[in-house]
C-alpha atoms as a PDB file:
ATOM      1  CA  UNK A   1       8.151 -85.999 -89.445  1.00  0.00           C
ATOM      2  CA  UNK A   2       4.589 -86.430 -89.117  1.00  0.00           C
ATOM      3  CA  UNK A   3       4.474 -87.248 -85.587  1.00  0.00           C
ATOM      4  CA  UNK A   4       7.504 -85.182 -84.655  1.00  0.00           C
ATOM      5  CA  UNK A   5       5.423 -81.992 -85.738  1.00  0.00           C
ATOM      6  CA  UNK A   6       2.117 -83.202 -84.047  1.00  0.00           C
ATOM      7  CA  UNK A   7       4.007 -84.190 -80.784  1.00  0.00           C
ATOM      8  CA  UNK A   8       5.278 -80.353 -80.878  1.00  0.00           C
ATOM      9  CA  UNK A   9       1.902 -79.114 -81.917  1.00  0.00           C
ATOM     10  CA  UNK A  10       0.491 -81.038 -78.144  1.00  0.00           C
ATOM     11  CA  UNK A  11       3.529 -79.394 -76.667  1.00  0.00           C
ATOM     12  CA  UNK A  12       2.570 -76.110 -77.411  1.00  0.00           C
ATOM     13  CA  UNK A  13      -1.149 -76.259 -77.121  1.00  0.00           C
ATOM     14  CA  UNK A  14      -0.179 -77.804 -73.472  1.00  0.00           C
ATOM     15  CA  UNK A  15       2.169 -75.271 -72.919  1.00  0.00           C
ATOM     16  CA  UNK A  16      -0.714 -72.616 -73.775  1.00  0.00           C
ATOM     17  CA  UNK A  17      -3.054 -74.251 -71.184  1.00  0.00           C
ATOM     18  CA  UNK A  18      -0.379 -74.132 -68.706  1.00  0.00           C
ATOM     19  CA  UNK A  19       0.980 -70.463 -68.847  1.00  0.00           C
ATOM     20  CA  UNK A  20      -2.165 -68.988 -68.098  1.00  0.00           C
ATOM     21  CA  UNK A  21      -2.568 -71.300 -65.343  1.00  0.00           C
ATOM     22  CA  UNK A  22       0.851 -70.247 -64.036  1.00  0.00           C
ATOM     23  CA  UNK A  23      -0.079 -66.345 -64.449  1.00  0.00           C
ATOM     24  CA  UNK A  24      -2.904 -67.231 -62.110  1.00  0.00           C
ATOM     25  CA  UNK A  25      -0.432 -68.733 -59.458  1.00  0.00           C
ATOM     26  CA  UNK A  26       1.852 -66.490 -59.646  1.00  0.00           C
ATOM     27  CA  UNK A  27      -0.493 -63.378 -59.607  1.00  0.00           C
ATOM     28  CA  UNK A  28      -2.063 -65.452 -55.977  1.00  0.00           C
ATOM     29  CA  UNK A  29       1.265 -65.674 -54.544  1.00  0.00           C
ATOM     30  CA  UNK A  30       1.903 -62.092 -55.022  1.00  0.00           C
ATOM     31  CA  UNK A  31      -1.139 -61.465 -53.541  1.00  0.00           C
ATOM     32  CA  UNK A  32      -0.876 -63.032 -50.686  1.00  0.00           C
ATOM     33  CA  UNK A  33       2.641 -62.492 -49.981  1.00  0.00           C
ATOM     34  CA  UNK A  34       1.790 -58.905 -50.359  1.00  0.00           C
ATOM     35  CA  UNK A  35      -1.176 -59.011 -47.719  1.00  0.00           C
ATOM     36  CA  UNK A  36       0.887 -60.905 -45.474  1.00  0.00           C
ATOM     37  CA  UNK A  37       3.473 -58.338 -45.450  1.00  0.00           C
ATOM     38  CA  UNK A  38       1.079 -55.755 -44.621  1.00  0.00           C
ATOM     39  CA  UNK A  39      -0.412 -57.650 -41.668  1.00  0.00           C
ATOM     40  CA  UNK A  40       3.499 -58.212 -40.660  1.00  0.00           C
ATOM     41  CA  UNK A  41       4.162 -54.448 -41.132  1.00  0.00           C
ATOM     42  CA  UNK A  42       1.105 -53.520 -39.146  1.00  0.00           C
ATOM     43  CA  UNK A  43       2.107 -55.339 -35.205  1.00  0.00           C
ATOM     44  CA  UNK A  44       2.525 -52.078 -33.376  1.00  0.00           C
ATOM     45  CA  UNK A  45       5.874 -51.202 -31.799  1.00  0.00           C
ATOM     46  CA  UNK A  46       7.672 -54.463 -32.058  1.00  0.00           C
ATOM     47  CA  UNK A  47       7.270 -57.038 -29.035  1.00  0.00           C
ATOM     48  CA  UNK A  48       9.379 -55.889 -25.825  1.00  0.00           C
ATOM     49  CA  UNK A  49      11.870 -58.546 -25.378  1.00  0.00           C
ATOM     50  CA  UNK A  50      12.370 -60.682 -21.994  1.00  0.00           C
ATOM     51  CA  UNK A  51      15.235 -59.044 -21.372  1.00  0.00           C
ATOM     52  CA  UNK A  52      14.272 -55.610 -21.533  1.00  0.00           C
ATOM     53  CA  UNK A  53      15.617 -53.455 -18.619  1.00  0.00           C
ATOM     54  CA  UNK A  54      13.538 -50.509 -19.602  1.00  0.00           C
ATOM     55  CA  UNK A  55      17.073 -48.675 -19.164  1.00  0.00           C
ATOM     56  CA  UNK A  56      18.124 -45.704 -20.965  1.00  0.00           C
ATOM     57  CA  UNK A  57      20.609 -46.587 -23.705  1.00  0.00           C
ATOM     58  CA  UNK A  58      23.686 -44.296 -23.870  1.00  0.00           C
ATOM     59  CA  UNK A  59      25.312 -46.130 -26.185  1.00  0.00           C
ATOM     60  CA  UNK A  60      22.548 -45.810 -29.382  1.00  0.00           C
ATOM     61  CA  UNK A  61      21.579 -41.998 -29.619  1.00  0.00           C
ATOM     62  CA  UNK A  62      20.813 -41.988 -33.731  1.00  0.00           C
ATOM     63  CA  UNK A  63      16.983 -42.090 -34.689  1.00  0.00           C
ATOM     64  CA  UNK A  64      15.425 -42.436 -37.633  1.00  0.00           C
ATOM     65  CA  UNK A  65      11.650 -42.254 -38.466  1.00  0.00           C
ATOM     66  CA  UNK A  66       9.963 -42.667 -41.957  1.00  0.00           C
ATOM     67  CA  UNK A  67      14.039 -43.187 -43.214  1.00  0.00           C
ATOM     68  CA  UNK A  68      15.252 -40.025 -42.389  1.00  0.00           C
ATOM     69  CA  UNK A  69      17.193 -39.141 -39.485  1.00  0.00           C
ATOM     70  CA  UNK A  70      15.523 -36.971 -36.799  1.00  0.00           C
ATOM     71  CA  UNK A  71      17.936 -36.951 -34.199  1.00  0.00           C
ATOM     72  CA  UNK A  72      21.585 -37.565 -33.915  1.00  0.00           C
ATOM     73  CA  UNK A  73      21.770 -36.949 -29.979  1.00  0.00           C
ATOM     74  CA  UNK A  74      18.341 -38.416 -28.425  1.00  0.00           C
ATOM     75  CA  UNK A  75      19.379 -37.597 -24.842  1.00  0.00           C
ATOM     76  CA  UNK A  76      19.995 -34.379 -26.005  1.00  0.00           C
ATOM     77  CA  UNK A  77      16.334 -33.856 -27.679  1.00  0.00           C
ATOM     78  CA  UNK A  78      14.747 -35.669 -24.602  1.00  0.00           C
ATOM     79  CA  UNK A  79      16.251 -33.176 -22.319  1.00  0.00           C
ATOM     80  CA  UNK A  80      15.377 -30.421 -24.956  1.00  0.00           C
ATOM     81  CA  UNK A  81      11.524 -31.530 -24.323  1.00  0.00           C
ATOM     82  CA  UNK A  82      11.515 -31.318 -20.768  1.00  0.00           C
ATOM     83  CA  UNK A  83      12.710 -35.413 -20.105  1.00  0.00           C
ATOM     84  CA  UNK A  84      14.867 -36.167 -17.373  1.00  0.00           C
ATOM     85  CA  UNK A  85      17.326 -38.641 -18.663  1.00  0.00           C
ATOM     86  CA  UNK A  86      18.616 -39.572 -15.409  1.00  0.00           C
ATOM     87  CA  UNK A  87      16.497 -39.141 -11.906  1.00  0.00           C
ATOM     88  CA  UNK A  88      12.922 -40.326 -10.549  1.00  0.00           C
ATOM     89  CA  UNK A  89      10.170 -38.298 -11.950  1.00  0.00           C
ATOM     90  CA  UNK A  90       7.165 -37.714  -9.130  1.00  0.00           C
ATOM     91  CA  UNK A  91       4.835 -39.904  -9.125  1.00  0.00           C
ATOM     92  CA  UNK A  92       1.505 -38.235  -9.313  1.00  0.00           C
ATOM     93  CA  UNK A  93      -0.492 -40.592  -7.190  1.00  0.00           C
ATOM     94  CA  UNK A  94      -2.182 -43.981  -5.906  1.00  0.00           C
ATOM     95  CA  UNK A  95      -3.666 -45.769  -8.832  1.00  0.00           C
ATOM     96  CA  UNK A  96      -6.870 -47.787  -8.422  1.00  0.00           C
ATOM     97  CA  UNK A  97      -9.622 -49.514 -10.589  1.00  0.00           C
ATOM     98  CA  UNK A  98     -11.665 -46.368 -10.919  1.00  0.00           C
ATOM     99  CA  UNK A  99      -8.817 -45.376 -13.217  1.00  0.00           C
ATOM    100  CA  UNK A 100      -9.512 -46.043 -16.814  1.00  0.00           C
ATOM    101  CA  UNK A 101      -8.155 -44.738 -20.100  1.00  0.00           C
ATOM    102  CA  UNK A 102     -10.448 -44.029 -23.166  1.00  0.00           C
ATOM    103  CA  UNK A 103      -8.856 -43.609 -26.437  1.00  0.00           C
ATOM    104  CA  UNK A 104     -11.084 -42.263 -29.413  1.00  0.00           C
ATOM    105  CA  UNK A 105      -9.529 -42.785 -32.800  1.00  0.00           C
ATOM    106  CA  UNK A 106     -12.239 -40.813 -34.751  1.00  0.00           C
ATOM    107  CA  UNK A 107     -11.125 -37.390 -33.014  1.00  0.00           C
ATOM    108  CA  UNK A 108      -7.490 -38.474 -32.180  1.00  0.00           C
ATOM    109  CA  UNK A 109      -7.848 -37.882 -28.516  1.00  0.00           C
ATOM    110  CA  UNK A 110      -6.989 -40.053 -25.021  1.00  0.00           C
ATOM    111  CA  UNK A 111      -9.475 -39.581 -21.981  1.00  0.00           C
ATOM    112  CA  UNK A 112      -7.581 -40.557 -18.564  1.00  0.00           C
ATOM    113  CA  UNK A 113     -10.966 -41.401 -16.303  1.00  0.00           C
ATOM    114  CA  UNK A 114     -10.886 -41.009 -12.654  1.00  0.00           C
ATOM    115  CA  UNK A 115     -14.014 -41.832 -11.131  1.00  0.00           C
ATOM    116  CA  UNK A 116     -16.518 -39.416 -13.259  1.00  0.00           C
ATOM    117  CA  UNK A 117     -14.225 -36.890 -13.806  1.00  0.00           C
ATOM    118  CA  UNK A 118     -11.613 -36.496 -16.804  1.00  0.00           C
ATOM    119  CA  UNK A 119      -7.923 -36.320 -14.725  1.00  0.00           C
ATOM    120  CA  UNK A 120      -6.643 -36.236 -18.161  1.00  0.00           C
ATOM    121  CA  UNK A 121      -7.546 -35.265 -22.036  1.00  0.00           C
ATOM    122  CA  UNK A 122      -4.262 -35.335 -24.519  1.00  0.00           C
ATOM    123  CA  UNK A 123      -4.186 -35.186 -28.075  1.00  0.00           C
ATOM    124  CA  UNK A 124      -2.963 -38.477 -29.772  1.00  0.00           C
ATOM    125  CA  UNK A 125      -1.250 -40.050 -32.686  1.00  0.00           C
ATOM    126  CA  UNK A 126      -2.501 -43.610 -33.649  1.00  0.00           C
ATOM    127  CA  UNK A 127      -2.200 -45.725 -36.432  1.00  0.00           C
ATOM    128  CA  UNK A 128      -2.349 -44.998 -40.076  1.00  0.00           C
ATOM    129  CA  UNK A 129      -5.110 -46.609 -42.216  1.00  0.00           C
ATOM    130  CA  UNK A 130      -3.050 -49.296 -43.257  1.00  0.00           C
ATOM    131  CA  UNK A 131      -1.785 -49.865 -39.772  1.00  0.00           C
ATOM    132  CA  UNK A 132      -4.051 -49.162 -37.378  1.00  0.00           C
ATOM    133  CA  UNK A 133      -4.321 -49.352 -33.795  1.00  0.00           C
ATOM    134  CA  UNK A 134      -6.794 -52.525 -32.625  1.00  0.00           C
ATOM    135  CA  UNK A 135     -10.251 -51.553 -31.212  1.00  0.00           C
ATOM    136  CA  UNK A 136     -11.504 -53.236 -28.111  1.00  0.00           C
ATOM    137  CA  UNK A 137     -10.656 -53.570 -24.008  1.00  0.00           C
ATOM    138  CA  UNK A 138      -7.326 -54.469 -23.048  1.00  0.00           C
ATOM    139  CA  UNK A 139      -5.073 -54.022 -20.406  1.00  0.00           C
ATOM    140  CA  UNK A 140      -2.036 -52.526 -19.624  1.00  0.00           C
ATOM    141  CA  UNK A 141       0.418 -55.868 -19.266  1.00  0.00           C
ATOM    142  CA  UNK A 142       4.335 -54.094 -19.189  1.00  0.00           C
ATOM    143  CA  UNK A 143       5.152 -50.731 -18.567  1.00  0.00           C
ATOM    144  CA  UNK A 144       9.083 -49.749 -19.559  1.00  0.00           C
ATOM    145  CA  UNK A 145      10.704 -46.422 -19.280  1.00  0.00           C
ATOM    146  CA  UNK A 146      12.830 -46.277 -22.080  1.00  0.00           C
ATOM    147  CA  UNK A 147      13.232 -49.019 -25.028  1.00  0.00           C
ATOM    148  CA  UNK A 148      14.040 -49.476 -28.491  1.00  0.00           C
ATOM    149  CA  UNK A 149      11.372 -49.440 -31.331  1.00  0.00           C
ATOM    150  CA  UNK A 150      13.023 -50.239 -34.918  1.00  0.00           C
ATOM    151  CA  UNK A 151      10.354 -51.799 -37.966  1.00  0.00           C
ATOM    152  CA  UNK A 152       8.890 -51.163 -41.677  1.00  0.00           C
ATOM    153  CA  UNK A 153      11.038 -51.196 -44.948  1.00  0.00           C
ATOM    154  CA  UNK A 154      12.284 -48.012 -47.352  1.00  0.00           C
ATOM    155  CA  UNK A 155      10.095 -45.047 -47.137  1.00  0.00           C
ATOM    156  CA  UNK A 156       8.606 -46.201 -44.004  1.00  0.00           C
ATOM    157  CA  UNK A 157      11.695 -47.427 -42.318  1.00  0.00           C
ATOM    158  CA  UNK A 158      11.980 -46.387 -38.611  1.00  0.00           C
ATOM    159  CA  UNK A 159      14.781 -46.892 -35.818  1.00  0.00           C
ATOM    160  CA  UNK A 160      13.798 -44.875 -32.769  1.00  0.00           C
ATOM    161  CA  UNK A 161      15.961 -45.647 -29.226  1.00  0.00           C
ATOM    162  CA  UNK A 162      15.060 -44.944 -26.262  1.00  0.00           C
ATOM    163  CA  UNK A 163      11.378 -44.414 -26.840  1.00  0.00           C
ATOM    164  CA  UNK A 164      10.266 -43.017 -23.570  1.00  0.00           C
ATOM    165  CA  UNK A 165       7.438 -43.959 -21.331  1.00  0.00           C
ATOM    166  CA  UNK A 166       6.013 -46.757 -22.729  1.00  0.00           C
ATOM    167  CA  UNK A 167       2.862 -48.942 -21.562  1.00  0.00           C
ATOM    168  CA  UNK A 168       1.942 -51.427 -23.838  1.00  0.00           C
ATOM    169  CA  UNK A 169      -1.448 -52.936 -23.568  1.00  0.00           C
ATOM    170  CA  UNK A 170      -2.330 -55.609 -26.426  1.00  0.00           C
ATOM    171  CA  UNK A 171       1.001 -57.466 -27.836  1.00  0.00           C
ATOM    172  CA  UNK A 172       2.856 -55.023 -29.347  1.00  0.00           C
ATOM    173  CA  UNK A 173       0.555 -52.016 -29.112  1.00  0.00           C
ATOM    174  CA  UNK A 174       1.035 -50.057 -27.026  1.00  0.00           C
ATOM    175  CA  UNK A 175       1.017 -45.776 -25.329  1.00  0.00           C
ATOM    176  CA  UNK A 176       4.651 -44.145 -25.398  1.00  0.00           C
ATOM    177  CA  UNK A 177       6.476 -40.677 -25.398  1.00  0.00           C
ATOM    178  CA  UNK A 178       6.994 -39.744 -29.442  1.00  0.00           C
ATOM    179  CA  UNK A 179       9.828 -37.819 -30.188  1.00  0.00           C
ATOM    180  CA  UNK A 180      10.626 -37.753 -33.683  1.00  0.00           C
ATOM    181  CA  UNK A 181       7.047 -35.870 -34.316  1.00  0.00           C
ATOM    182  CA  UNK A 182       5.098 -33.208 -33.522  1.00  0.00           C
ATOM    183  CA  UNK A 183       1.598 -34.116 -35.801  1.00  0.00           C
ATOM    184  CA  UNK A 184      -0.346 -35.050 -32.349  1.00  0.00           C
ATOM    185  CA  UNK A 185      -4.206 -35.253 -33.072  1.00  0.00           C
ATOM    186  CA  UNK A 186      -3.786 -36.573 -36.604  1.00  0.00           C
ATOM    187  CA  UNK A 187      -2.640 -40.333 -37.756  1.00  0.00           C
ATOM    188  CA  UNK A 188       1.220 -40.781 -37.712  1.00  0.00           C
ATOM    189  CA  UNK A 189       2.026 -44.051 -35.757  1.00  0.00           C
ATOM    190  CA  UNK A 190       2.005 -47.833 -36.542  1.00  0.00           C
ATOM    191  CA  UNK A 191      -0.128 -48.798 -34.746  1.00  0.00           C
ATOM    192  CA  UNK A 192       0.943 -47.709 -31.578  1.00  0.00           C
ATOM    193  CA  UNK A 193      -0.877 -44.583 -29.765  1.00  0.00           C
ATOM    194  CA  UNK A 194       1.727 -41.613 -29.789  1.00  0.00           C
ATOM    195  CA  UNK A 195       2.056 -38.807 -26.767  1.00  0.00           C
ATOM    196  CA  UNK A 196       3.657 -36.266 -26.375  1.00  0.00           C
ATOM    197  CA  UNK A 197       6.556 -36.555 -24.017  1.00  0.00           C
ATOM    198  CA  UNK A 198       4.850 -34.420 -20.959  1.00  0.00           C
ATOM    199  CA  UNK A 199       1.601 -36.477 -21.677  1.00  0.00           C
ATOM    200  CA  UNK A 200       2.882 -39.795 -21.961  1.00  0.00           C
ATOM    201  CA  UNK A 201       5.401 -39.276 -18.820  1.00  0.00           C
ATOM    202  CA  UNK A 202       2.258 -37.953 -16.909  1.00  0.00           C
ATOM    203  CA  UNK A 203       0.037 -40.846 -18.014  1.00  0.00           C
ATOM    204  CA  UNK A 204       2.492 -43.402 -17.441  1.00  0.00           C
ATOM    205  CA  UNK A 205       2.733 -42.368 -13.750  1.00  0.00           C
ATOM    206  CA  UNK A 206      -1.081 -42.311 -13.079  1.00  0.00           C
ATOM    207  CA  UNK A 207      -1.475 -45.721 -14.455  1.00  0.00           C
ATOM    208  CA  UNK A 208      -1.288 -49.592 -13.097  1.00  0.00           C
ATOM    209  CA  UNK A 209       1.306 -50.805 -11.933  1.00  0.00           C
ATOM    210  CA  UNK A 210       3.191 -48.077 -10.727  1.00  0.00           C
ATOM    211  CA  UNK A 211       6.684 -48.234 -11.351  1.00  0.00           C
ATOM    212  CA  UNK A 212       8.337 -49.129  -7.749  1.00  0.00           C
ATOM    213  CA  UNK A 213      11.459 -46.225  -6.655  1.00  0.00           C
ATOM    214  CA  UNK A 214      14.941 -46.887  -8.562  1.00  0.00           C
ATOM    215  CA  UNK A 215      13.067 -49.213 -11.033  1.00  0.00           C
ATOM    216  CA  UNK A 216      12.223 -48.947 -14.913  1.00  0.00           C
ATOM    217  CA  UNK A 217      10.407 -51.740 -15.857  1.00  0.00           C
ATOM    218  CA  UNK A 218       7.004 -53.447 -14.482  1.00  0.00           C
ATOM    219  CA  UNK A 219       4.327 -56.077 -14.832  1.00  0.00           C
ATOM    220  CA  UNK A 220       1.303 -56.137 -13.511  1.00  0.00           C
ATOM    221  CA  UNK A 221       0.125 -58.485 -10.896  1.00  0.00           C
ATOM    222  CA  UNK A 222      -3.165 -59.907  -9.064  1.00  0.00           C
ATOM    223  CA  UNK A 223      -3.222 -57.713  -6.469  1.00  0.00           C
ATOM    224  CA  UNK A 224      -1.963 -55.191  -8.961  1.00  0.00           C
ATOM    225  CA  UNK A 225      -3.604 -55.083 -12.375  1.00  0.00           C
ATOM    226  CA  UNK A 226      -2.752 -52.933 -15.170  1.00  0.00           C
ATOM    227  CA  UNK A 227      -4.837 -50.223 -16.314  1.00  0.00           C
ATOM    228  CA  UNK A 228      -7.877 -51.189 -18.569  1.00  0.00           C
ATOM    229  CA  UNK A 229      -7.424 -49.238 -21.845  1.00  0.00           C
ATOM    230  CA  UNK A 230     -10.710 -49.340 -24.265  1.00  0.00           C
ATOM    231  CA  UNK A 231     -10.260 -48.227 -27.583  1.00  0.00           C
ATOM    232  CA  UNK A 232     -12.878 -47.476 -30.315  1.00  0.00           C
ATOM    233  CA  UNK A 233     -13.529 -45.576 -33.879  1.00  0.00           C
END
């Protein structure tokens, strides 16, 4: 009986030793898991698939932002905002290396530079503090006239079909129109740069490379590189 009791005491001591260790390890796992989740959820608009054509999707119309329905007919909403779902917008000009985009995160504005003048000066909505827009110097690497974006979870869940005039400049961070809010000048996004529909349309046809007539997607080339994008605080 004495030996058995001794074993129980040792077992209890061993258990008491392991308990705080297990708590620390569990806390560490939860901490790093949560950090990984935050990093994973701050990846911009979502990387476009190679099959993405940039065409308008007429079969999917319901849009959700922050887990709330913002539109049941995206085509109708875009038309009301002045964006033609069908038709070729007029190309606004010939692009060149003299054109570049500046995004000032501190005042939530975009400046489209053309030589020594400002061609456009737009209010924008960049990433919230937990999903910041990356700073640095980039190049537009793909332009899509329309594409679906989805992500987030819980109250931050979003499902946005037919997001217009997308210009990705760093991985899955892009410039694009936003039909689900009108709070330009304030941070609103998951890392991308939101513009009003008319502003995004103007910028889309001002930047390089130009989208060929009849097409909805374009990649830059050595002879026709993407417009430079500079993002700073």
